[in-house]
Protein backbone atom coordinates (compact mmCIF):
# COMPACT_ATOMS: atom_id res chain seq x y z
CA MET A 1 139.63 97.59 95.35
CA ALA A 2 137.19 97.32 92.46
CA LEU A 3 133.50 97.55 93.28
CA THR A 4 131.20 94.82 92.01
CA HIS A 5 127.88 96.01 90.64
CA ARG A 6 125.09 93.49 90.34
CA ALA A 7 122.42 93.99 87.71
CA PRO A 8 119.00 94.72 89.23
CA GLN A 9 116.87 91.65 89.61
CA ARG A 10 113.96 91.25 87.22
CA LEU A 11 110.46 90.20 88.21
CA LEU A 12 107.72 89.26 85.76
CA ILE A 13 104.04 89.46 86.73
CA VAL A 14 101.42 87.93 84.44
CA GLY A 15 98.00 89.53 84.89
CA GLY A 16 96.93 93.11 85.51
CA GLY A 17 93.90 92.60 87.73
CA ILE A 18 93.73 93.34 91.45
CA ALA A 19 96.10 90.49 92.35
CA GLY A 20 98.76 91.40 89.78
CA LEU A 21 98.70 95.13 90.49
CA SER A 22 98.83 94.49 94.24
CA ALA A 23 101.84 92.23 93.88
CA ALA A 24 103.71 94.71 91.69
CA LEU A 25 103.03 97.57 94.10
CA ALA A 26 103.83 95.67 97.28
CA LEU A 27 107.06 94.13 96.02
CA HIS A 28 108.34 97.37 94.55
CA ARG A 29 107.71 99.12 97.86
CA ALA A 30 109.65 96.38 99.65
CA ARG A 31 112.58 96.23 97.20
CA PRO A 32 112.67 99.39 95.06
CA GLU A 33 115.67 98.11 93.12
CA LEU A 34 113.52 95.41 91.50
CA ARG A 35 112.84 95.84 87.80
CA THR A 36 109.27 94.65 87.39
CA THR A 37 107.46 93.93 84.14
CA LEU A 38 103.70 93.41 84.32
CA LEU A 39 101.92 91.90 81.32
CA GLU A 40 98.15 92.18 80.84
CA GLN A 41 96.51 90.36 77.93
CA ALA A 42 93.57 92.79 77.57
CA PRO A 43 94.06 95.80 75.28
CA GLU A 44 93.78 98.17 78.25
CA PHE A 45 93.87 98.03 82.02
CA SER A 46 90.32 97.75 83.32
CA GLU A 47 88.20 95.73 85.71
CA ILE A 48 84.72 94.42 85.07
CA GLY A 49 82.24 93.43 87.72
CA ALA A 50 80.47 95.41 90.38
CA GLY A 51 81.00 95.86 94.09
CA LEU A 52 83.12 93.99 96.59
CA GLN A 53 83.49 93.97 100.35
CA LEU A 54 86.80 94.68 102.08
CA GLY A 55 87.03 93.45 105.64
CA PRO A 56 89.43 95.17 108.05
CA ASN A 57 92.13 92.67 107.09
CA ALA A 58 92.03 94.00 103.51
CA VAL A 59 91.73 97.66 104.51
CA ARG A 60 94.74 97.20 106.81
CA VAL A 61 96.83 96.08 103.83
CA LEU A 62 95.79 99.07 101.71
CA ARG A 63 96.56 101.41 104.60
CA ASP A 64 100.01 99.85 104.95
CA TRP A 65 100.61 100.70 101.29
CA GLY A 66 99.65 104.34 101.87
CA LEU A 67 96.28 104.02 100.12
CA ALA A 68 93.88 104.76 102.99
CA GLU A 69 93.06 108.25 101.73
CA ALA A 70 92.58 107.06 98.15
CA LEU A 71 90.26 104.31 99.38
CA ALA A 72 88.24 106.76 101.48
CA GLN A 73 87.54 108.83 98.36
CA VAL A 74 85.86 105.97 96.48
CA ALA A 75 84.56 103.54 99.12
CA ALA A 76 81.60 103.42 101.46
CA PHE A 77 81.88 102.38 105.10
CA PRO A 78 78.68 100.58 106.17
CA GLN A 79 77.52 100.88 109.75
CA ARG A 80 76.14 97.38 110.19
CA LEU A 81 75.68 93.93 108.69
CA MET A 82 72.10 92.66 108.68
CA VAL A 83 70.98 89.13 107.84
CA ARG A 84 67.36 88.79 106.70
CA ARG A 85 65.20 85.88 105.61
CA VAL A 86 64.09 85.94 101.98
CA ALA A 87 60.57 84.65 102.62
CA ASP A 88 59.32 87.11 105.24
CA GLY A 89 62.05 89.72 105.67
CA ALA A 90 62.68 88.78 109.33
CA THR A 91 66.02 89.99 110.70
CA LEU A 92 67.98 86.90 111.74
CA GLY A 93 71.12 88.59 113.02
CA THR A 94 73.01 91.88 113.15
CA LEU A 95 76.68 92.82 113.50
CA GLU A 96 77.72 96.41 114.13
CA LEU A 97 80.41 97.58 111.70
CA GLY A 98 81.55 101.22 111.50
CA ALA A 99 83.22 102.42 114.70
CA ALA A 100 82.76 99.02 116.38
CA VAL A 101 84.92 97.23 113.81
CA GLN A 102 87.44 100.09 113.84
CA ARG A 103 87.84 99.71 117.63
CA ARG A 104 88.01 95.92 117.54
CA TYR A 105 90.38 95.45 114.60
CA GLY A 106 92.06 98.82 114.11
CA ALA A 107 90.66 99.24 110.59
CA PRO A 108 87.17 99.78 109.15
CA TYR A 109 84.92 97.57 107.03
CA ALA A 110 84.64 99.02 103.53
CA THR A 111 82.58 98.38 100.40
CA VAL A 112 83.89 99.51 97.04
CA HIS A 113 83.26 99.13 93.33
CA ARG A 114 85.76 96.67 91.91
CA ALA A 115 86.77 99.09 89.15
CA ASP A 116 87.51 101.81 91.72
CA LEU A 117 89.82 99.54 93.73
CA HIS A 118 91.56 98.49 90.53
CA ALA A 119 91.97 102.12 89.45
CA LEU A 120 93.52 103.27 92.72
CA LEU A 121 96.02 100.38 92.67
CA LEU A 122 96.90 101.15 89.05
CA HIS A 123 97.36 104.86 89.80
CA ALA A 124 99.65 104.08 92.75
CA LEU A 125 101.70 101.70 90.62
CA GLN A 126 102.07 104.18 87.78
CA GLN A 127 103.88 106.52 90.18
CA GLN A 128 106.60 103.95 90.84
CA PRO A 129 109.82 104.04 88.81
CA GLY A 130 111.17 100.68 87.77
CA VAL A 131 107.77 99.16 86.96
CA ALA A 132 106.90 98.63 83.30
CA LEU A 133 103.22 98.02 82.48
CA TYR A 134 102.16 96.48 79.16
CA THR A 135 98.72 95.66 77.77
CA GLY A 136 97.80 93.43 74.86
CA GLN A 137 100.41 90.85 75.89
CA ALA A 138 99.10 87.31 76.31
CA VAL A 139 101.61 84.91 77.84
CA GLN A 140 101.18 81.41 76.43
CA ARG A 141 103.85 79.48 78.32
CA LEU A 142 106.51 79.77 80.99
CA GLN A 143 109.90 78.11 80.69
CA VAL A 144 111.90 77.75 83.90
CA HIS A 145 115.64 77.25 83.69
CA GLY A 146 118.36 77.12 86.30
CA ASP A 147 118.62 80.81 87.11
CA GLY A 148 115.54 82.38 85.58
CA VAL A 149 112.18 82.24 83.85
CA ARG A 150 111.22 82.91 80.25
CA ALA A 151 107.67 83.89 79.33
CA LEU A 152 106.59 83.14 75.78
CA GLY A 153 103.85 85.09 74.05
CA ALA A 154 102.39 85.19 70.59
CA ASP A 155 104.50 85.94 67.51
CA GLU A 156 107.68 84.64 69.18
CA GLN A 157 107.66 87.36 71.82
CA SER A 158 109.52 86.51 75.01
CA TRP A 159 110.42 88.10 78.33
CA GLU A 160 113.22 87.07 80.70
CA ALA A 161 113.14 87.42 84.48
CA ASP A 162 114.62 86.00 87.66
CA ALA A 163 111.15 85.01 88.90
CA ALA A 164 107.53 85.13 87.75
CA LEU A 165 104.23 85.65 89.53
CA VAL A 166 101.11 84.28 87.85
CA ALA A 167 98.01 86.38 88.58
CA ASP A 168 95.90 85.79 85.49
CA GLY A 169 92.71 84.74 87.25
CA VAL A 170 90.55 81.67 87.65
CA TRP A 171 90.97 80.74 83.97
CA SER A 172 94.77 80.80 84.21
CA ARG A 173 96.32 78.71 81.46
CA LEU A 174 99.70 79.02 83.19
CA ARG A 175 98.33 77.37 86.34
CA VAL A 176 97.19 74.40 84.27
CA GLN A 177 100.63 74.24 82.68
CA LEU A 178 102.38 74.29 86.06
CA LEU A 179 100.04 72.05 88.08
CA GLY A 180 98.29 69.99 85.40
CA ASP A 181 94.98 70.10 87.26
CA GLY A 182 92.67 71.02 84.40
CA ALA A 183 90.07 73.72 84.02
CA PRO A 184 87.99 75.13 86.89
CA GLN A 185 84.60 73.55 87.45
CA PHE A 186 81.13 75.10 87.38
CA SER A 187 79.81 75.39 90.95
CA GLY A 188 76.13 75.01 90.15
CA HIS A 189 75.56 78.62 91.21
CA VAL A 190 74.97 81.67 89.02
CA ALA A 191 75.52 85.21 90.31
CA TYR A 192 73.45 88.16 89.10
CA ARG A 193 74.91 91.61 89.74
CA GLY A 194 73.66 95.12 89.25
CA LEU A 195 74.22 98.75 90.28
CA LEU A 196 71.42 101.11 91.20
CA PRO A 197 71.70 104.87 91.86
CA MET A 198 70.96 105.45 95.53
CA ASP A 199 68.22 107.95 94.73
CA ALA A 200 66.37 105.12 92.93
CA VAL A 201 66.62 102.71 95.87
CA PRO A 202 63.26 101.94 97.52
CA VAL A 203 62.82 104.07 100.64
CA ALA A 204 62.31 101.10 102.98
CA LEU A 205 65.77 99.66 102.35
CA ALA A 206 68.79 100.33 104.57
CA ARG A 207 71.30 102.47 102.72
CA ASP A 208 74.21 102.35 105.17
CA ALA A 209 74.37 98.59 105.72
CA VAL A 210 75.49 95.35 104.18
CA VAL A 211 72.25 93.37 103.96
CA ALA A 212 72.36 89.63 103.30
CA TRP A 213 69.18 87.78 102.34
CA LEU A 214 69.09 84.00 102.94
CA GLY A 215 66.64 81.70 101.20
CA PRO A 216 66.21 78.16 99.88
CA ARG A 217 68.84 77.57 97.17
CA LEU A 218 69.51 81.30 96.80
CA HIS A 219 70.73 84.36 98.62
CA GLY A 220 71.18 88.06 97.95
CA VAL A 221 73.47 90.82 99.21
CA HIS A 222 73.30 94.58 98.76
CA TYR A 223 75.45 97.41 100.08
CA PRO A 224 76.54 100.97 99.19
CA VAL A 225 79.54 101.76 96.98
CA ARG A 226 81.14 104.90 95.52
CA GLY A 227 80.81 106.99 98.63
CA GLY A 228 77.25 105.82 99.18
CA GLN A 229 76.02 107.18 95.85
CA TRP A 230 75.22 103.75 94.40
CA LEU A 231 73.81 100.47 95.69
CA ASN A 232 75.50 97.26 94.60
CA ALA A 233 73.27 94.19 94.57
CA VAL A 234 74.16 90.53 94.04
CA LEU A 235 71.84 87.54 93.80
CA VAL A 236 73.25 84.01 93.75
CA ILE A 237 70.86 81.30 92.58
CA GLU A 238 71.47 77.57 92.32
CA GLY A 239 70.83 76.04 88.94
CA PRO A 240 72.37 74.80 85.70
CA MET A 241 74.62 76.77 83.43
CA PRO A 242 72.50 79.39 81.63
CA SER A 243 71.32 78.07 78.29
CA GLY A 244 73.73 78.80 75.47
CA ASP A 245 76.23 80.33 77.89
CA THR A 246 79.98 79.99 77.66
CA PRO A 247 82.39 79.98 80.60
CA GLY A 248 83.41 83.45 81.65
CA TRP A 249 82.42 86.32 83.85
CA ASP A 250 80.14 88.81 82.25
CA HIS A 251 76.93 88.13 80.35
CA ALA A 252 73.64 89.98 80.01
CA ALA A 253 70.98 88.51 82.30
CA PRO A 254 67.34 88.08 81.24
CA ARG A 255 65.42 90.24 83.73
CA ALA A 256 62.20 88.30 83.21
CA LEU A 257 63.89 85.10 84.40
CA LEU A 258 64.97 86.77 87.63
CA LEU A 259 61.50 88.13 88.29
CA GLN A 260 60.00 84.69 87.70
CA THR A 261 62.55 82.97 89.96
CA LEU A 262 62.03 85.47 92.78
CA GLN A 263 58.22 85.66 92.82
CA GLN A 264 57.98 84.52 96.45
CA VAL A 265 60.60 86.82 98.00
CA HIS A 266 59.92 89.58 100.52
CA PRO A 267 58.81 92.87 98.90
CA ASP A 268 61.98 94.70 100.04
CA LEU A 269 64.17 92.35 98.03
CA GLY A 270 61.69 92.18 95.17
CA ALA A 271 61.74 95.97 94.92
CA ILE A 272 65.47 95.90 94.19
CA VAL A 273 65.01 93.32 91.45
CA GLU A 274 62.32 95.44 89.81
CA ALA A 275 64.16 98.76 90.22
CA MET A 276 67.49 97.54 88.82
CA PRO A 277 67.82 98.84 85.23
CA LYS A 278 69.90 95.85 84.12
CA TRP A 279 71.46 92.73 85.53
CA ARG A 280 74.63 90.91 84.50
CA GLN A 281 75.15 87.22 85.17
CA TRP A 282 78.29 85.34 86.12
CA PRO A 283 78.29 81.53 86.22
CA LEU A 284 80.54 80.81 89.23
CA PHE A 285 83.51 78.56 88.55
CA GLY A 286 86.14 77.45 91.00
CA ARG A 287 88.42 74.77 92.39
CA ALA A 288 88.68 72.66 95.50
CA PRO A 289 90.46 74.28 98.48
CA MET A 290 94.23 74.35 98.24
CA ARG A 291 95.93 71.10 99.27
CA GLY A 292 99.43 72.33 99.97
CA PRO A 293 102.12 74.96 99.33
CA HIS A 294 102.91 73.42 95.95
CA GLU A 295 99.74 75.09 94.62
CA HIS A 296 101.20 78.50 95.52
CA ALA A 297 104.78 78.15 94.28
CA GLN A 298 106.90 75.99 92.01
CA GLY A 299 110.55 76.97 92.15
CA ARG A 300 110.84 80.45 90.66
CA VAL A 301 107.13 80.74 89.84
CA GLY A 302 104.42 81.82 92.27
CA LEU A 303 100.63 81.72 91.86
CA LEU A 304 98.46 84.27 93.63
CA GLY A 305 94.89 85.51 93.72
CA ASP A 306 92.28 83.56 91.77
CA ALA A 307 94.94 81.77 89.75
CA ALA A 308 95.94 80.02 92.99
CA HIS A 309 92.77 79.96 95.10
CA PRO A 310 89.52 81.08 93.43
CA MET A 311 87.03 81.98 96.14
CA ARG A 312 83.29 81.51 96.17
CA PRO A 313 81.65 84.78 97.21
CA TYR A 314 80.04 83.55 100.46
CA LEU A 315 82.72 84.98 102.77
CA ALA A 316 83.38 88.14 100.71
CA GLN A 317 87.15 87.58 100.82
CA GLY A 318 88.30 87.02 97.23
CA ALA A 319 89.91 90.43 96.78
CA ALA A 320 91.14 90.45 100.38
CA MET A 321 93.08 87.21 99.94
CA ALA A 322 94.74 88.56 96.78
CA LEU A 323 95.79 91.66 98.73
CA GLU A 324 97.04 89.48 101.58
CA ASP A 325 99.04 87.31 99.15
CA ALA A 326 100.88 90.37 97.86
CA TRP A 327 101.39 91.89 101.32
CA THR A 328 102.80 88.65 102.75
CA LEU A 329 105.27 88.15 99.91
CA ALA A 330 106.47 91.72 100.26
CA ARG A 331 107.03 91.22 104.00
CA LEU A 332 109.54 88.48 103.22
CA LEU A 333 111.66 90.47 100.77
CA PRO A 334 113.52 92.87 103.12
CA ALA A 335 115.11 89.90 104.91
CA ALA A 336 116.19 88.23 101.65
CA PRO A 337 119.79 88.66 100.50
CA GLN A 338 120.90 90.32 97.29
CA PRO A 339 120.54 88.68 94.87
CA ILE A 340 117.20 87.40 96.08
CA ASP A 341 116.97 83.63 96.42
CA TRP A 342 113.58 83.47 94.74
CA PRO A 343 112.91 79.74 95.21
CA ALA A 344 113.56 80.10 98.95
CA VAL A 345 111.41 83.23 99.26
CA LEU A 346 108.53 81.77 97.27
CA ARG A 347 108.71 78.51 99.22
CA ARG A 348 108.50 80.38 102.54
CA TRP A 349 105.66 82.53 101.18
CA ALA A 350 103.71 79.49 100.00
CA GLU A 351 104.11 77.85 103.40
CA ALA A 352 102.82 81.03 105.07
CA ARG A 353 99.79 81.47 102.79
CA TRP A 354 98.35 78.19 101.61
CA ALA A 355 96.60 77.04 104.80
CA ARG A 356 94.89 80.40 105.38
CA ASN A 357 93.72 80.54 101.77
CA ALA A 358 92.51 76.94 101.95
CA ARG A 359 90.59 77.74 105.13
CA VAL A 360 88.91 80.74 103.53
CA GLN A 361 88.03 78.65 100.47
CA ALA A 362 86.53 75.91 102.64
CA ARG A 363 84.59 78.37 104.83
CA SER A 364 83.24 80.09 101.73
CA ARG A 365 81.96 76.80 100.32
CA ARG A 366 80.42 75.89 103.68
CA ASN A 367 78.73 79.28 103.93
CA GLY A 368 77.17 78.70 100.52
CA VAL A 369 75.51 75.54 101.83
CA ILE A 370 74.29 77.35 104.96
CA PHE A 371 73.05 80.43 103.11
CA HIS A 372 71.02 78.30 100.68
CA ALA A 373 69.81 75.77 103.26
CA THR A 374 66.43 74.07 103.18
CA GLY A 375 64.54 71.95 105.72
CA LEU A 376 66.09 71.23 109.11
CA LEU A 377 69.41 72.84 108.23
CA ARG A 378 67.60 76.10 107.45
CA TRP A 379 65.75 75.91 110.78
CA GLY A 380 69.00 75.30 112.66
CA ARG A 381 70.71 78.18 110.86
CA ASP A 382 67.94 80.63 111.74
CA ALA A 383 67.86 79.50 115.37
CA ALA A 384 71.64 79.79 115.71
CA LEU A 385 71.64 83.30 114.26
CA ALA A 386 68.87 84.33 116.64
CA LEU A 387 70.83 83.06 119.66
CA LEU A 388 74.43 83.79 118.65
CA GLY A 389 74.14 86.41 115.92
CA ARG A 390 77.17 88.57 116.68
CA ARG A 391 79.42 85.64 117.58
CA LEU A 392 78.56 83.87 114.33
CA LEU A 393 78.83 86.93 112.09
CA ASP A 394 82.09 88.29 113.51
CA GLN A 395 85.23 86.65 112.13
CA PRO A 396 88.22 87.46 114.41
CA TRP A 397 90.37 84.71 112.89
CA LEU A 398 89.90 86.44 109.55
CA TYR A 399 89.55 90.15 110.26
CA ALA A 400 92.57 90.33 112.60
CA GLY A 401 94.85 89.26 109.72
CA PRO A 402 96.86 89.05 107.68
CA PRO A 403 99.23 87.03 109.89
CA GLN A 404 102.90 87.97 109.86
CA PRO A 405 105.06 85.51 107.90
CA GLY A 406 108.21 84.11 109.46
CA ALA A 407 111.35 85.26 107.62
CA ALA A 408 113.91 83.28 109.61
CA GLY A 409 116.41 81.54 107.38
CA LEU A 410 116.10 83.93 104.43
CA GLN A 411 118.97 86.17 105.53
CA ALA A 412 122.34 85.87 103.88
CA GLY A 413 124.84 83.73 105.74
């Protein structure tokens, strides 16, 4: 009897940031026979930005992918979370991290430079056969036909695949093409980020903690990265778009403006502002929380990471949700038949992910209001933290994840 050989299925991923690399790695681990093409529009693989926080839900995903040791080489593992008031430096609440989080959730709380996380994902992916990585390839449009997807680039370039994952960030043109919901909107908040060598950090500041500063219409966060050798600091201030700015991520920040804005802050926070050699500013853009699974998947096309659900930074879960997106999709693939029924898999994945992502988006927006509170709301926030600090700062619904997706119905037959 003659044997029938099926051609390997082809997967196209648009975007080579944390979300795209995570998806390529997770799916290839789940179905090694996949032939994956990843297209990044930048001339080289890189990641801008500064630090990010990885709750135990995110660290658990990286550990599942065999990256725990690689993460340990570049991350820091803070011992506590402290919440302080901008005006007088009072400690409003504390949550033990370190061993306490490890015991409670089975994984630690980590802080890492964004470029280091990107680099370790890229290195892991480069070791996988069957994954082709290309830079300098900007996808302009996707065409979906009965049994596949065609991506169209500049100069009549095209790529064919059985399915496509869109991971090209908050400014995704492909999302707008698929959903028709227009460009992301300015949030009214501007983030200022900087990195300071730990030996230049003022002595009075905690070096092994995530410290959040809450004040009227602003807040700050600082924590160690790169094995504790550097301090990452972020200030988020309400206000208009910076004069003459254009939408995007990375712009030089006028240091004098920061110093003027923060004249009335506690000296511990002011010392960081003065010691930082340079600041970069990011006007924060985003979208409303997801409204349904259709914003995650359309037939043979899936949206993940910031292309699907851009997160405000007030829950520190943007990177974590991108990792969870990839992990969840990969968990569905082993149960799928060969050839993979991509519309069915992506539909089940979207149903499993959209509500959690929408909840994180909504909580992040709510936290922004609470962090920046004035008047009676600020008084209530401070009183609640004083009475219920640990219960308010811990997030079991979040840190115990990601939840397992249901794969029933995907099997052949």
